[in-house]
């Protein structure tokens, strides 16, 4: 029974990879050699007006320089945030600066969260109890029973301590 489940999971992973190849999506890859909790990736936040074409302006500017993005965008009440991980951080910085697009950058840590009620609340509560502000909460990988979040906070040292049991590794590209 267990072997059958593994075969089925392997087939699903294979189908997922072929679909991603077909649509041109290159998903982030789990890093096997990075130390847990080591911050090696930065997240970017670009504030834009919430109107047609703003996301296009940011993403086409970066695409023209060959930067691939893992992106989340949210717009409310006339303002919006484009939050992303970039395949090439240095090119991203220079491209955004050259285009006159202002941005903020945050070091990220990655945490694994079980996919069941109360787990996001529990992780958020640990940070709030230590007065750590969450700047970026970006889901970057999902599995059957858990998901990985790229987390940018205002105090990574404290966040790493209080979430030490959930730290995981992750790399983009």
C-alpha atoms as a PDB file:
ATOM      1  CA  UNK A   1       0.000   0.000   0.000  1.00  0.00           C
ATOM      2  CA  UNK A   2       2.807   2.447   0.887  1.00  0.00           C
ATOM      3  CA  UNK A   3       4.721   1.596  -2.306  1.00  0.00           C
ATOM      4  CA  UNK A   4       1.561   2.194  -4.332  1.00  0.00           C
ATOM      5  CA  UNK A   5       1.159   5.642  -2.709  1.00  0.00           C
ATOM      6  CA  UNK A   6       4.769   6.514  -3.515  1.00  0.00           C
ATOM      7  CA  UNK A   7       4.295   5.449  -7.146  1.00  0.00           C
ATOM      8  CA  UNK A   8       1.167   7.584  -7.393  1.00  0.00           C
ATOM      9  CA  UNK A   9       3.005  10.589  -5.849  1.00  0.00           C
ATOM     10  CA  UNK A  10       5.896  10.045  -8.254  1.00  0.00           C
ATOM     11  CA  UNK A  11       3.502   9.976 -11.214  1.00  0.00           C
ATOM     12  CA  UNK A  12       1.808  13.157  -9.999  1.00  0.00           C
ATOM     13  CA  UNK A  13       5.198  14.870  -9.590  1.00  0.00           C
ATOM     14  CA  UNK A  14       6.142  13.798 -13.115  1.00  0.00           C
ATOM     15  CA  UNK A  15       2.883  15.116 -14.556  1.00  0.00           C
ATOM     16  CA  UNK A  16       3.298  18.373 -12.619  1.00  0.00           C
ATOM     17  CA  UNK A  17       6.821  18.827 -14.008  1.00  0.00           C
ATOM     18  CA  UNK A  18       5.687  18.154 -17.580  1.00  0.00           C
ATOM     19  CA  UNK A  19       2.808  20.630 -17.235  1.00  0.00           C
ATOM     20  CA  UNK A  20       5.177  23.250 -15.820  1.00  0.00           C
ATOM     21  CA  UNK A  21       7.578  22.658 -18.721  1.00  0.00           C
ATOM     22  CA  UNK A  22       4.722  22.963 -21.188  1.00  0.00           C
ATOM     23  CA  UNK A  23       3.473  26.303 -19.811  1.00  0.00           C
ATOM     24  CA  UNK A  24       6.988  27.631 -19.278  1.00  0.00           C
ATOM     25  CA  UNK A  25       6.852  27.839 -15.500  1.00  0.00           C
ATOM     26  CA  UNK A  26      10.044  27.123 -13.613  1.00  0.00           C
ATOM     27  CA  UNK A  27       9.063  26.525  -9.996  1.00  0.00           C
ATOM     28  CA  UNK A  28      11.393  27.159  -7.075  1.00  0.00           C
ATOM     29  CA  UNK A  29      13.503  24.206  -6.039  1.00  0.00           C
ATOM     30  CA  UNK A  30      14.038  22.992  -2.525  1.00  0.00           C
ATOM     31  CA  UNK A  31      17.650  23.465  -1.515  1.00  0.00           C
ATOM     32  CA  UNK A  32      19.273  20.381  -0.049  1.00  0.00           C
ATOM     33  CA  UNK A  33      22.583  21.978   0.956  1.00  0.00           C
ATOM     34  CA  UNK A  34      21.496  25.213   2.653  1.00  0.00           C
ATOM     35  CA  UNK A  35      21.501  25.301   6.446  1.00  0.00           C
ATOM     36  CA  UNK A  36      18.085  25.592   8.035  1.00  0.00           C
ATOM     37  CA  UNK A  37      17.143  29.165   8.756  1.00  0.00           C
ATOM     38  CA  UNK A  38      20.074  30.742   6.941  1.00  0.00           C
ATOM     39  CA  UNK A  39      18.867  33.828   5.158  1.00  0.00           C
ATOM     40  CA  UNK A  40      20.266  33.722   1.653  1.00  0.00           C
ATOM     41  CA  UNK A  41      17.416  35.242  -0.326  1.00  0.00           C
ATOM     42  CA  UNK A  42      15.848  38.685  -0.344  1.00  0.00           C
ATOM     43  CA  UNK A  43      12.237  39.492  -1.079  1.00  0.00           C
ATOM     44  CA  UNK A  44      11.258  42.617  -2.982  1.00  0.00           C
ATOM     45  CA  UNK A  45       8.209  44.832  -2.483  1.00  0.00           C
ATOM     46  CA  UNK A  46       7.182  47.390  -5.104  1.00  0.00           C
ATOM     47  CA  UNK A  47       4.320  49.714  -4.199  1.00  0.00           C
ATOM     48  CA  UNK A  48       2.169  50.663  -7.178  1.00  0.00           C
ATOM     49  CA  UNK A  49      -1.118  52.344  -7.921  1.00  0.00           C
ATOM     50  CA  UNK A  50      -3.996  49.890  -8.152  1.00  0.00           C
ATOM     51  CA  UNK A  51      -4.836  50.485 -11.813  1.00  0.00           C
ATOM     52  CA  UNK A  52      -4.564  48.589 -15.088  1.00  0.00           C
ATOM     53  CA  UNK A  53      -1.018  48.182 -16.367  1.00  0.00           C
ATOM     54  CA  UNK A  54       0.950  48.683 -13.145  1.00  0.00           C
ATOM     55  CA  UNK A  55       1.786  45.004 -12.695  1.00  0.00           C
ATOM     56  CA  UNK A  56       2.680  44.830 -16.381  1.00  0.00           C
ATOM     57  CA  UNK A  57       5.029  47.807 -16.012  1.00  0.00           C
ATOM     58  CA  UNK A  58       6.991  46.121 -13.215  1.00  0.00           C
ATOM     59  CA  UNK A  59       7.030  42.592 -14.609  1.00  0.00           C
ATOM     60  CA  UNK A  60       7.821  43.534 -18.232  1.00  0.00           C
ATOM     61  CA  UNK A  61      10.695  45.735 -17.058  1.00  0.00           C
ATOM     62  CA  UNK A  62      12.240  42.795 -15.199  1.00  0.00           C
ATOM     63  CA  UNK A  63      11.418  40.230 -17.893  1.00  0.00           C
ATOM     64  CA  UNK A  64      13.240  42.359 -20.470  1.00  0.00           C
ATOM     65  CA  UNK A  65      16.412  41.831 -18.420  1.00  0.00           C
ATOM     66  CA  UNK A  66      15.829  38.071 -18.080  1.00  0.00           C
ATOM     67  CA  UNK A  67      14.661  38.095 -14.465  1.00  0.00           C
ATOM     68  CA  UNK A  68      12.227  35.341 -13.516  1.00  0.00           C
ATOM     69  CA  UNK A  69       9.823  36.030 -10.646  1.00  0.00           C
ATOM     70  CA  UNK A  70       7.886  34.132  -8.034  1.00  0.00           C
ATOM     71  CA  UNK A  71       5.251  36.774  -7.443  1.00  0.00           C
ATOM     72  CA  UNK A  72       2.252  37.792  -5.392  1.00  0.00           C
ATOM     73  CA  UNK A  73       0.296  40.978  -6.018  1.00  0.00           C
ATOM     74  CA  UNK A  74      -2.439  42.645  -4.007  1.00  0.00           C
ATOM     75  CA  UNK A  75      -4.346  45.835  -4.719  1.00  0.00           C
ATOM     76  CA  UNK A  76      -6.796  47.610  -2.443  1.00  0.00           C
ATOM     77  CA  UNK A  77      -8.232  51.140  -2.319  1.00  0.00           C
ATOM     78  CA  UNK A  78      -6.091  52.626  -5.070  1.00  0.00           C
ATOM     79  CA  UNK A  79      -2.752  51.193  -3.846  1.00  0.00           C
ATOM     80  CA  UNK A  80      -1.094  47.884  -4.460  1.00  0.00           C
ATOM     81  CA  UNK A  81       1.935  45.831  -3.534  1.00  0.00           C
ATOM     82  CA  UNK A  82       3.883  43.563  -5.832  1.00  0.00           C
ATOM     83  CA  UNK A  83       5.845  41.141  -3.642  1.00  0.00           C
ATOM     84  CA  UNK A  84       8.316  38.740  -5.219  1.00  0.00           C
ATOM     85  CA  UNK A  85      11.425  36.607  -5.148  1.00  0.00           C
ATOM     86  CA  UNK A  86      13.693  37.146  -8.142  1.00  0.00           C
ATOM     87  CA  UNK A  87      15.970  34.730  -9.971  1.00  0.00           C
ATOM     88  CA  UNK A  88      18.714  37.399 -10.087  1.00  0.00           C
ATOM     89  CA  UNK A  89      18.652  39.867  -7.216  1.00  0.00           C
ATOM     90  CA  UNK A  90      21.453  42.157  -8.443  1.00  0.00           C
ATOM     91  CA  UNK A  91      19.896  42.527 -11.895  1.00  0.00           C
ATOM     92  CA  UNK A  92      16.536  43.142 -10.207  1.00  0.00           C
ATOM     93  CA  UNK A  93      17.961  45.969  -8.085  1.00  0.00           C
ATOM     94  CA  UNK A  94      19.726  47.674 -10.987  1.00  0.00           C
ATOM     95  CA  UNK A  95      16.775  47.224 -13.354  1.00  0.00           C
ATOM     96  CA  UNK A  96      14.259  48.680 -10.917  1.00  0.00           C
ATOM     97  CA  UNK A  97      16.566  51.609 -10.097  1.00  0.00           C
ATOM     98  CA  UNK A  98      17.279  52.306 -13.794  1.00  0.00           C
ATOM     99  CA  UNK A  99      13.526  52.289 -14.521  1.00  0.00           C
ATOM    100  CA  UNK A 100      12.816  54.652 -11.622  1.00  0.00           C
ATOM    101  CA  UNK A 101      10.728  52.045  -9.837  1.00  0.00           C
ATOM    102  CA  UNK A 102      11.093  52.346  -6.068  1.00  0.00           C
ATOM    103  CA  UNK A 103      11.236  49.184  -4.025  1.00  0.00           C
ATOM    104  CA  UNK A 104      11.946  47.815  -0.582  1.00  0.00           C
ATOM    105  CA  UNK A 105      13.977  44.714   0.051  1.00  0.00           C
ATOM    106  CA  UNK A 106      13.784  42.290   2.971  1.00  0.00           C
ATOM    107  CA  UNK A 107      15.943  39.305   3.934  1.00  0.00           C
ATOM    108  CA  UNK A 108      13.770  36.211   3.974  1.00  0.00           C
ATOM    109  CA  UNK A 109      13.614  33.142   6.128  1.00  0.00           C
ATOM    110  CA  UNK A 110      11.579  30.108   5.183  1.00  0.00           C
ATOM    111  CA  UNK A 111       9.208  28.238   7.435  1.00  0.00           C
ATOM    112  CA  UNK A 112       7.211  25.053   6.918  1.00  0.00           C
ATOM    113  CA  UNK A 113       3.621  25.136   8.133  1.00  0.00           C
ATOM    114  CA  UNK A 114       1.308  22.162   8.484  1.00  0.00           C
ATOM    115  CA  UNK A 115      -1.835  22.536   6.399  1.00  0.00           C
ATOM    116  CA  UNK A 116      -4.408  22.417   9.166  1.00  0.00           C
ATOM    117  CA  UNK A 117      -6.501  24.992  11.032  1.00  0.00           C
ATOM    118  CA  UNK A 118      -4.679  27.262  13.465  1.00  0.00           C
ATOM    119  CA  UNK A 119      -1.119  26.791  12.191  1.00  0.00           C
ATOM    120  CA  UNK A 120      -0.801  30.194  10.497  1.00  0.00           C
ATOM    121  CA  UNK A 121      -2.339  31.787  13.594  1.00  0.00           C
ATOM    122  CA  UNK A 122       0.116  29.968  15.871  1.00  0.00           C
ATOM    123  CA  UNK A 123       3.170  31.091  13.883  1.00  0.00           C
ATOM    124  CA  UNK A 124       1.837  34.650  13.674  1.00  0.00           C
ATOM    125  CA  UNK A 125       1.095  34.666  17.407  1.00  0.00           C
ATOM    126  CA  UNK A 126       4.684  33.624  18.242  1.00  0.00           C
ATOM    127  CA  UNK A 127       5.961  36.605  16.255  1.00  0.00           C
ATOM    128  CA  UNK A 128       3.397  39.059  17.627  1.00  0.00           C
ATOM    129  CA  UNK A 129       4.147  38.033  21.216  1.00  0.00           C
ATOM    130  CA  UNK A 130       7.778  39.052  20.603  1.00  0.00           C
ATOM    131  CA  UNK A 131       6.760  42.316  18.843  1.00  0.00           C
ATOM    132  CA  UNK A 132       8.090  41.087  15.487  1.00  0.00           C
ATOM    133  CA  UNK A 133       6.314  42.707  12.540  1.00  0.00           C
ATOM    134  CA  UNK A 134       5.629  40.640   9.418  1.00  0.00           C
ATOM    135  CA  UNK A 135       6.551  42.531   6.241  1.00  0.00           C
ATOM    136  CA  UNK A 136       6.281  39.650   3.753  1.00  0.00           C
ATOM    137  CA  UNK A 137       4.273  36.425   4.008  1.00  0.00           C
ATOM    138  CA  UNK A 138       4.659  34.738   0.633  1.00  0.00           C
ATOM    139  CA  UNK A 139       3.648  31.096   0.112  1.00  0.00           C
ATOM    140  CA  UNK A 140       6.314  29.603  -2.150  1.00  0.00           C
ATOM    141  CA  UNK A 141       5.700  25.863  -2.103  1.00  0.00           C
ATOM    142  CA  UNK A 142       2.797  23.594  -1.275  1.00  0.00           C
ATOM    143  CA  UNK A 143       2.742  19.916  -0.461  1.00  0.00           C
ATOM    144  CA  UNK A 144      -0.034  17.549   0.401  1.00  0.00           C
ATOM    145  CA  UNK A 145       0.098  18.212   4.155  1.00  0.00           C
ATOM    146  CA  UNK A 146       2.154  21.412   4.500  1.00  0.00           C
ATOM    147  CA  UNK A 147       3.404  24.509   2.751  1.00  0.00           C
ATOM    148  CA  UNK A 148       6.507  26.700   2.795  1.00  0.00           C
ATOM    149  CA  UNK A 149       6.309  30.436   3.414  1.00  0.00           C
ATOM    150  CA  UNK A 150       8.937  33.052   2.590  1.00  0.00           C
ATOM    151  CA  UNK A 151       8.832  35.280   5.630  1.00  0.00           C
ATOM    152  CA  UNK A 152      10.250  38.796   5.793  1.00  0.00           C
ATOM    153  CA  UNK A 153      10.173  40.411   9.229  1.00  0.00           C
ATOM    154  CA  UNK A 154      11.598  43.450  10.985  1.00  0.00           C
ATOM    155  CA  UNK A 155      13.669  41.337  13.405  1.00  0.00           C
ATOM    156  CA  UNK A 156      14.992  38.137  11.850  1.00  0.00           C
ATOM    157  CA  UNK A 157      17.065  37.154  14.874  1.00  0.00           C
ATOM    158  CA  UNK A 158      14.049  36.947  17.175  1.00  0.00           C
ATOM    159  CA  UNK A 159      11.869  35.408  14.447  1.00  0.00           C
ATOM    160  CA  UNK A 160      14.394  32.633  13.873  1.00  0.00           C
ATOM    161  CA  UNK A 161      14.447  31.868  17.597  1.00  0.00           C
ATOM    162  CA  UNK A 162      10.677  31.714  18.079  1.00  0.00           C
ATOM    163  CA  UNK A 163      10.061  29.784  14.847  1.00  0.00           C
ATOM    164  CA  UNK A 164      13.164  27.581  15.074  1.00  0.00           C
ATOM    165  CA  UNK A 165      11.114  24.372  14.972  1.00  0.00           C
ATOM    166  CA  UNK A 166       9.549  25.451  11.655  1.00  0.00           C
ATOM    167  CA  UNK A 167      12.622  26.747   9.806  1.00  0.00           C
ATOM    168  CA  UNK A 168      13.301  25.037   6.519  1.00  0.00           C
ATOM    169  CA  UNK A 169      15.463  25.489   3.436  1.00  0.00           C
ATOM    170  CA  UNK A 170      14.320  26.795   0.109  1.00  0.00           C
ATOM    171  CA  UNK A 171      15.946  28.285  -2.986  1.00  0.00           C
ATOM    172  CA  UNK A 172      14.544  29.939  -6.041  1.00  0.00           C
ATOM    173  CA  UNK A 173      16.127  28.949  -9.359  1.00  0.00           C
END
